[in-house]
Amino acid sequence: MSAVYIALPVALLLAIAGVIAFIWATKSGQMDDLETPGQRVLFDDDPVSRPEDPADGSEQPPT
């Protein structure tokens, strides 16, 4: 029974902290755009440039 005296206030404090964090995140615009971050991983940031092939004659190998 004595564990209830500790667990109940701790649970209530955590629940209140969660509600306050949710309200803060909603008011600060954290949940305005829910689709773009999930789609951003599908696109490459920058195209990777390949080194030129010396076999095509466009570049001379170092001597």
PDB file of N, CA and C in Angstrom:
ATOM      1  N   MET A   1       0.823  -1.194   0.000  1.00  0.00           N
ATOM      2  CA  MET A   1       0.000   0.000   0.000  1.00  0.00           C
ATOM      3  C   MET A   1       0.868   1.259   0.000  1.00  0.00           C
ATOM      4  N   SER A   2       2.038   1.192   0.608  1.00  0.00           N
ATOM      5  CA  SER A   2       2.886   2.383   0.672  1.00  0.00           C
ATOM      6  C   SER A   2       3.462   2.740  -0.707  1.00  0.00           C
ATOM      7  N   ALA A   3       3.554   1.756  -1.604  1.00  0.00           N
ATOM      8  CA  ALA A   3       4.043   2.044  -2.953  1.00  0.00           C
ATOM      9  C   ALA A   3       3.064   2.903  -3.729  1.00  0.00           C
ATOM     10  N   VAL A   4       1.790   2.800  -3.404  1.00  0.00           N
ATOM     11  CA  VAL A   4       0.778   3.602  -4.083  1.00  0.00           C
ATOM     12  C   VAL A   4       0.976   5.078  -3.763  1.00  0.00           C
ATOM     13  N   TYR A   5       1.430   5.376  -2.551  1.00  0.00           N
ATOM     14  CA  TYR A   5       1.648   6.763  -2.150  1.00  0.00           C
ATOM     15  C   TYR A   5       2.782   7.412  -2.944  1.00  0.00           C
ATOM     16  N   ILE A   6       3.676   6.611  -3.474  1.00  0.00           N
ATOM     17  CA  ILE A   6       4.773   7.130  -4.290  1.00  0.00           C
ATOM     18  C   ILE A   6       4.431   7.046  -5.774  1.00  0.00           C
ATOM     19  N   ALA A   7       3.860   5.928  -6.205  1.00  0.00           N
ATOM     20  CA  ALA A   7       3.613   5.694  -7.619  1.00  0.00           C
ATOM     21  C   ALA A   7       2.519   6.605  -8.178  1.00  0.00           C
ATOM     22  N   LEU A   8       1.487   6.856  -7.427  1.00  0.00           N
ATOM     23  CA  LEU A   8       0.379   7.677  -7.923  1.00  0.00           C
ATOM     24  C   LEU A   8       0.801   9.128  -8.179  1.00  0.00           C
ATOM     25  N   PRO A   9       1.472   9.807  -7.253  1.00  0.00           N
ATOM     26  CA  PRO A   9       1.913  11.178  -7.561  1.00  0.00           C
ATOM     27  C   PRO A   9       2.921  11.239  -8.709  1.00  0.00           C
ATOM     28  N   VAL A  10       3.808  10.252  -8.777  1.00  0.00           N
ATOM     29  CA  VAL A  10       4.779  10.230  -9.869  1.00  0.00           C
ATOM     30  C   VAL A  10       4.059  10.047 -11.202  1.00  0.00           C
ATOM     31  N   ALA A  11       3.086   9.166 -11.270  1.00  0.00           N
ATOM     32  CA  ALA A  11       2.323   8.942 -12.492  1.00  0.00           C
ATOM     33  C   ALA A  11       1.542  10.193 -12.884  1.00  0.00           C
ATOM     34  N   LEU A  12       0.962  10.871 -11.915  1.00  0.00           N
ATOM     35  CA  LEU A  12       0.226  12.094 -12.211  1.00  0.00           C
ATOM     36  C   LEU A  12       1.153  13.197 -12.720  1.00  0.00           C
ATOM     37  N   LEU A  13       2.330  13.323 -12.116  1.00  0.00           N
ATOM     38  CA  LEU A  13       3.284  14.325 -12.580  1.00  0.00           C
ATOM     39  C   LEU A  13       3.757  14.038 -14.011  1.00  0.00           C
ATOM     40  N   LEU A  14       4.002  12.773 -14.316  1.00  0.00           N
ATOM     41  CA  LEU A  14       4.411  12.410 -15.675  1.00  0.00           C
ATOM     42  C   LEU A  14       3.290  12.671 -16.682  1.00  0.00           C
ATOM     43  N   ALA A  15       2.064  12.389 -16.298  1.00  0.00           N
ATOM     44  CA  ALA A  15       0.930  12.638 -17.194  1.00  0.00           C
ATOM     45  C   ALA A  15       0.752  14.128 -17.437  1.00  0.00           C
ATOM     46  N   ILE A  16       0.866  14.921 -16.394  1.00  0.00           N
ATOM     47  CA  ILE A  16       0.740  16.373 -16.547  1.00  0.00           C
ATOM     48  C   ILE A  16       1.878  16.925 -17.406  1.00  0.00           C
ATOM     49  N   ALA A  17       3.090  16.418 -17.194  1.00  0.00           N
ATOM     50  CA  ALA A  17       4.232  16.855 -18.006  1.00  0.00           C
ATOM     51  C   ALA A  17       4.027  16.486 -19.473  1.00  0.00           C
ATOM     52  N   GLY A  18       3.466  15.325 -19.741  1.00  0.00           N
ATOM     53  CA  GLY A  18       3.190  14.919 -21.118  1.00  0.00           C
ATOM     54  C   GLY A  18       2.150  15.805 -21.781  1.00  0.00           C
ATOM     55  N   VAL A  19       1.108  16.150 -21.049  1.00  0.00           N
ATOM     56  CA  VAL A  19       0.073  17.030 -21.604  1.00  0.00           C
ATOM     57  C   VAL A  19       0.643  18.421 -21.868  1.00  0.00           C
ATOM     58  N   ILE A  20       1.457  18.930 -20.955  1.00  0.00           N
ATOM     59  CA  ILE A  20       2.075  20.243 -21.149  1.00  0.00           C
ATOM     60  C   ILE A  20       3.023  20.223 -22.351  1.00  0.00           C
ATOM     61  N   ALA A  21       3.795  19.165 -22.500  1.00  0.00           N
ATOM     62  CA  ALA A  21       4.708  19.049 -23.646  1.00  0.00           C
ATOM     63  C   ALA A  21       3.933  18.967 -24.958  1.00  0.00           C
ATOM     64  N   PHE A  22       2.819  18.256 -24.962  1.00  0.00           N
ATOM     65  CA  PHE A  22       1.995  18.158 -26.172  1.00  0.00           C
ATOM     66  C   PHE A  22       1.405  19.514 -26.535  1.00  0.00           C
ATOM     67  N   ILE A  23       0.902  20.235 -25.557  1.00  0.00           N
ATOM     68  CA  ILE A  23       0.312  21.552 -25.825  1.00  0.00           C
ATOM     69  C   ILE A  23       1.390  22.513 -26.326  1.00  0.00           C
ATOM     70  N   TRP A  24       2.571  22.486 -25.720  1.00  0.00           N
ATOM     71  CA  TRP A  24       3.663  23.344 -26.170  1.00  0.00           C
ATOM     72  C   TRP A  24       4.058  23.019 -27.608  1.00  0.00           C
ATOM     73  N   ALA A  25       4.187  21.731 -27.926  1.00  0.00           N
ATOM     74  CA  ALA A  25       4.593  21.328 -29.276  1.00  0.00           C
ATOM     75  C   ALA A  25       3.543  21.732 -30.304  1.00  0.00           C
ATOM     76  N   THR A  26       2.290  21.627 -29.950  1.00  0.00           N
ATOM     77  CA  THR A  26       1.226  22.003 -30.877  1.00  0.00           C
ATOM     78  C   THR A  26       1.212  23.507 -31.110  1.00  0.00           C
ATOM     79  N   LYS A  27       1.363  24.289 -30.066  1.00  0.00           N
ATOM     80  CA  LYS A  27       1.340  25.746 -30.206  1.00  0.00           C
ATOM     81  C   LYS A  27       2.581  26.293 -30.898  1.00  0.00           C
ATOM     82  N   SER A  28       3.715  25.596 -30.790  1.00  0.00           N
ATOM     83  CA  SER A  28       4.936  26.099 -31.411  1.00  0.00           C
ATOM     84  C   SER A  28       5.083  25.653 -32.866  1.00  0.00           C
ATOM     85  N   GLY A  29       4.111  24.914 -33.394  1.00  0.00           N
ATOM     86  CA  GLY A  29       4.135  24.554 -34.809  1.00  0.00           C
ATOM     87  C   GLY A  29       4.856  23.265 -35.124  1.00  0.00           C
ATOM     88  N   GLN A  30       5.116  22.435 -34.140  1.00  0.00           N
ATOM     89  CA  GLN A  30       5.836  21.188 -34.374  1.00  0.00           C
ATOM     90  C   GLN A  30       5.019  20.200 -35.199  1.00  0.00           C
ATOM     91  N   MET A  31       3.711  20.327 -35.196  1.00  0.00           N
ATOM     92  CA  MET A  31       2.859  19.356 -35.876  1.00  0.00           C
ATOM     93  C   MET A  31       2.108  19.963 -37.043  1.00  0.00           C
ATOM     94  N   ASP A  32       2.625  21.046 -37.616  1.00  0.00           N
ATOM     95  CA  ASP A  32       1.945  21.689 -38.730  1.00  0.00           C
ATOM     96  C   ASP A  32       2.016  20.851 -40.011  1.00  0.00           C
ATOM     97  N   ASP A  33       3.183  20.313 -40.310  1.00  0.00           N
ATOM     98  CA  ASP A  33       3.367  19.544 -41.537  1.00  0.00           C
ATOM     99  C   ASP A  33       3.811  18.136 -41.176  1.00  0.00           C
ATOM    100  N   LEU A  34       2.892  17.193 -41.274  1.00  0.00           N
ATOM    101  CA  LEU A  34       3.202  15.820 -40.884  1.00  0.00           C
ATOM    102  C   LEU A  34       3.636  14.944 -42.057  1.00  0.00           C
ATOM    103  N   GLU A  35       3.451  15.424 -43.298  1.00  0.00           N
ATOM    104  CA  GLU A  35       3.748  14.582 -44.458  1.00  0.00           C
ATOM    105  C   GLU A  35       5.145  14.791 -45.021  1.00  0.00           C
ATOM    106  N   THR A  36       5.639  16.014 -45.061  1.00  0.00           N
ATOM    107  CA  THR A  36       6.911  16.297 -45.709  1.00  0.00           C
ATOM    108  C   THR A  36       8.097  15.572 -45.080  1.00  0.00           C
ATOM    109  N   PRO A  37       8.249  15.520 -43.760  1.00  0.00           N
ATOM    110  CA  PRO A  37       9.414  14.808 -43.216  1.00  0.00           C
ATOM    111  C   PRO A  37       9.445  13.330 -43.594  1.00  0.00           C
ATOM    112  N   GLY A  38       8.300  12.709 -43.716  1.00  0.00           N
ATOM    113  CA  GLY A  38       8.278  11.303 -44.107  1.00  0.00           C
ATOM    114  C   GLY A  38       8.623  11.096 -45.564  1.00  0.00           C
ATOM    115  N   GLN A  39       8.353  12.083 -46.405  1.00  0.00           N
ATOM    116  CA  GLN A  39       8.664  11.971 -47.829  1.00  0.00           C
ATOM    117  C   GLN A  39      10.077  12.432 -48.143  1.00  0.00           C
ATOM    118  N   ARG A  40      10.682  13.193 -47.255  1.00  0.00           N
ATOM    119  CA  ARG A  40      12.012  13.744 -47.504  1.00  0.00           C
ATOM    120  C   ARG A  40      13.063  12.649 -47.642  1.00  0.00           C
ATOM    121  N   VAL A  41      12.893  11.525 -46.958  1.00  0.00           N
ATOM    122  CA  VAL A  41      13.882  10.452 -47.042  1.00  0.00           C
ATOM    123  C   VAL A  41      13.870   9.766 -48.394  1.00  0.00           C
ATOM    124  N   LEU A  42      12.832   9.959 -49.172  1.00  0.00           N
ATOM    125  CA  LEU A  42      12.745   9.300 -50.463  1.00  0.00           C
ATOM    126  C   LEU A  42      13.559  10.000 -51.538  1.00  0.00           C
ATOM    127  N   PHE A  43      13.964  11.229 -51.306  1.00  0.00           N
ATOM    128  CA  PHE A  43      14.679  12.003 -52.304  1.00  0.00           C
ATOM    129  C   PHE A  43      16.124  12.187 -51.880  1.00  0.00           C
ATOM    130  N   ASP A  44      17.034  12.118 -52.867  1.00  0.00           N
ATOM    131  CA  ASP A  44      18.447  12.348 -52.603  1.00  0.00           C
ATOM    132  C   ASP A  44      18.686  13.828 -52.370  1.00  0.00           C
ATOM    133  N   ASP A  45      19.657  14.132 -51.525  1.00  0.00           N
ATOM    134  CA  ASP A  45      19.984  15.528 -51.262  1.00  0.00           C
ATOM    135  C   ASP A  45      20.713  16.149 -52.449  1.00  0.00           C
ATOM    136  N   ASP A  46      21.855  15.601 -52.784  1.00  0.00           N
ATOM    137  CA  ASP A  46      22.657  16.118 -53.888  1.00  0.00           C
ATOM    138  C   ASP A  46      23.049  14.946 -54.787  1.00  0.00           C
ATOM    139  N   PRO A  47      23.034  15.162 -56.099  1.00  0.00           N
ATOM    140  CA  PRO A  47      23.505  14.074 -56.965  1.00  0.00           C
ATOM    141  C   PRO A  47      25.005  13.871 -56.773  1.00  0.00           C
ATOM    142  N   VAL A  48      25.415  12.629 -56.805  1.00  0.00           N
ATOM    143  CA  VAL A  48      26.823  12.292 -56.626  1.00  0.00           C
ATOM    144  C   VAL A  48      27.511  12.390 -57.971  1.00  0.00           C
ATOM    145  N   SER A  49      28.597  13.159 -58.036  1.00  0.00           N
ATOM    146  CA  SER A  49      29.318  13.288 -59.304  1.00  0.00           C
ATOM    147  C   SER A  49      30.341  12.166 -59.405  1.00  0.00           C
ATOM    148  N   ARG A  50      30.386  11.552 -60.571  1.00  0.00           N
ATOM    149  CA  ARG A  50      31.331  10.468 -60.808  1.00  0.00           C
ATOM    150  C   ARG A  50      32.617  11.019 -61.397  1.00  0.00           C
ATOM    151  N   PRO A  51      33.734  10.378 -61.107  1.00  0.00           N
ATOM    152  CA  PRO A  51      34.977  10.805 -61.772  1.00  0.00           C
ATOM    153  C   PRO A  51      34.904  10.453 -63.257  1.00  0.00           C
ATOM    154  N   GLU A  52      35.555  11.277 -64.060  1.00  0.00           N
ATOM    155  CA  GLU A  52      35.517  11.039 -65.507  1.00  0.00           C
ATOM    156  C   GLU A  52      36.353   9.811 -65.857  1.00  0.00           C
ATOM    157  N   ASP A  53      35.908   9.095 -66.866  1.00  0.00           N
ATOM    158  CA  ASP A  53      36.584   7.886 -67.318  1.00  0.00           C
ATOM    159  C   ASP A  53      37.726   8.274 -68.251  1.00  0.00           C
ATOM    160  N   PRO A  54      38.981   7.932 -67.907  1.00  0.00           N
ATOM    161  CA  PRO A  54      40.096   8.307 -68.795  1.00  0.00           C
ATOM    162  C   PRO A  54      40.084   7.533 -70.108  1.00  0.00           C
ATOM    163  N   ALA A  55      39.298   6.470 -70.223  1.00  0.00           N
ATOM    164  CA  ALA A  55      39.271   5.679 -71.455  1.00  0.00           C
ATOM    165  C   ALA A  55      38.551   6.406 -72.580  1.00  0.00           C
ATOM    166  N   ASP A  56      37.736   7.401 -72.277  1.00  0.00           N
ATOM    167  CA  ASP A  56      37.009   8.079 -73.348  1.00  0.00           C
ATOM    168  C   ASP A  56      37.846   9.180 -74.005  1.00  0.00           C
ATOM    169  N   GLY A  57      39.057   9.404 -73.512  1.00  0.00           N
ATOM    170  CA  GLY A  57      39.970  10.358 -74.151  1.00  0.00           C
ATOM    171  C   GLY A  57      39.752  11.794 -73.726  1.00  0.00           C
ATOM    172  N   SER A  58      38.840  12.052 -72.832  1.00  0.00           N
ATOM    173  CA  SER A  58      38.569  13.427 -72.447  1.00  0.00           C
ATOM    174  C   SER A  58      39.591  13.962 -71.445  1.00  0.00           C
ATOM    175  N   GLU A  59      40.287  13.072 -70.793  1.00  0.00           N
ATOM    176  CA  GLU A  59      41.251  13.498 -69.775  1.00  0.00           C
ATOM    177  C   GLU A  59      42.500  12.641 -69.902  1.00  0.00           C
ATOM    178  N   GLN A  60      43.643  13.283 -69.808  1.00  0.00           N
ATOM    179  CA  GLN A  60      44.901  12.568 -69.889  1.00  0.00           C
ATOM    180  C   GLN A  60      45.274  12.040 -68.521  1.00  0.00           C
ATOM    181  N   PRO A  61      45.751  10.784 -68.436  1.00  0.00           N
ATOM    182  CA  PRO A  61      46.210  10.264 -67.131  1.00  0.00           C
ATOM    183  C   PRO A  61      47.480  10.997 -66.702  1.00  0.00           C
ATOM    184  N   PRO A  62      47.713  11.129 -65.424  1.00  0.00           N
ATOM    185  CA  PRO A  62      48.935  11.808 -64.951  1.00  0.00           C
ATOM    186  C   PRO A  62      50.173  11.020 -65.322  1.00  0.00           C
ATOM    187  N   THR A  63      51.235  11.753 -65.677  1.00  0.00           N
ATOM    188  CA  THR A  63      52.484  11.099 -66.081  1.00  0.00           C
ATOM    189  C   THR A  63      53.530  11.187 -65.012  1.00  0.00           C
TER     190      THR A  63
END
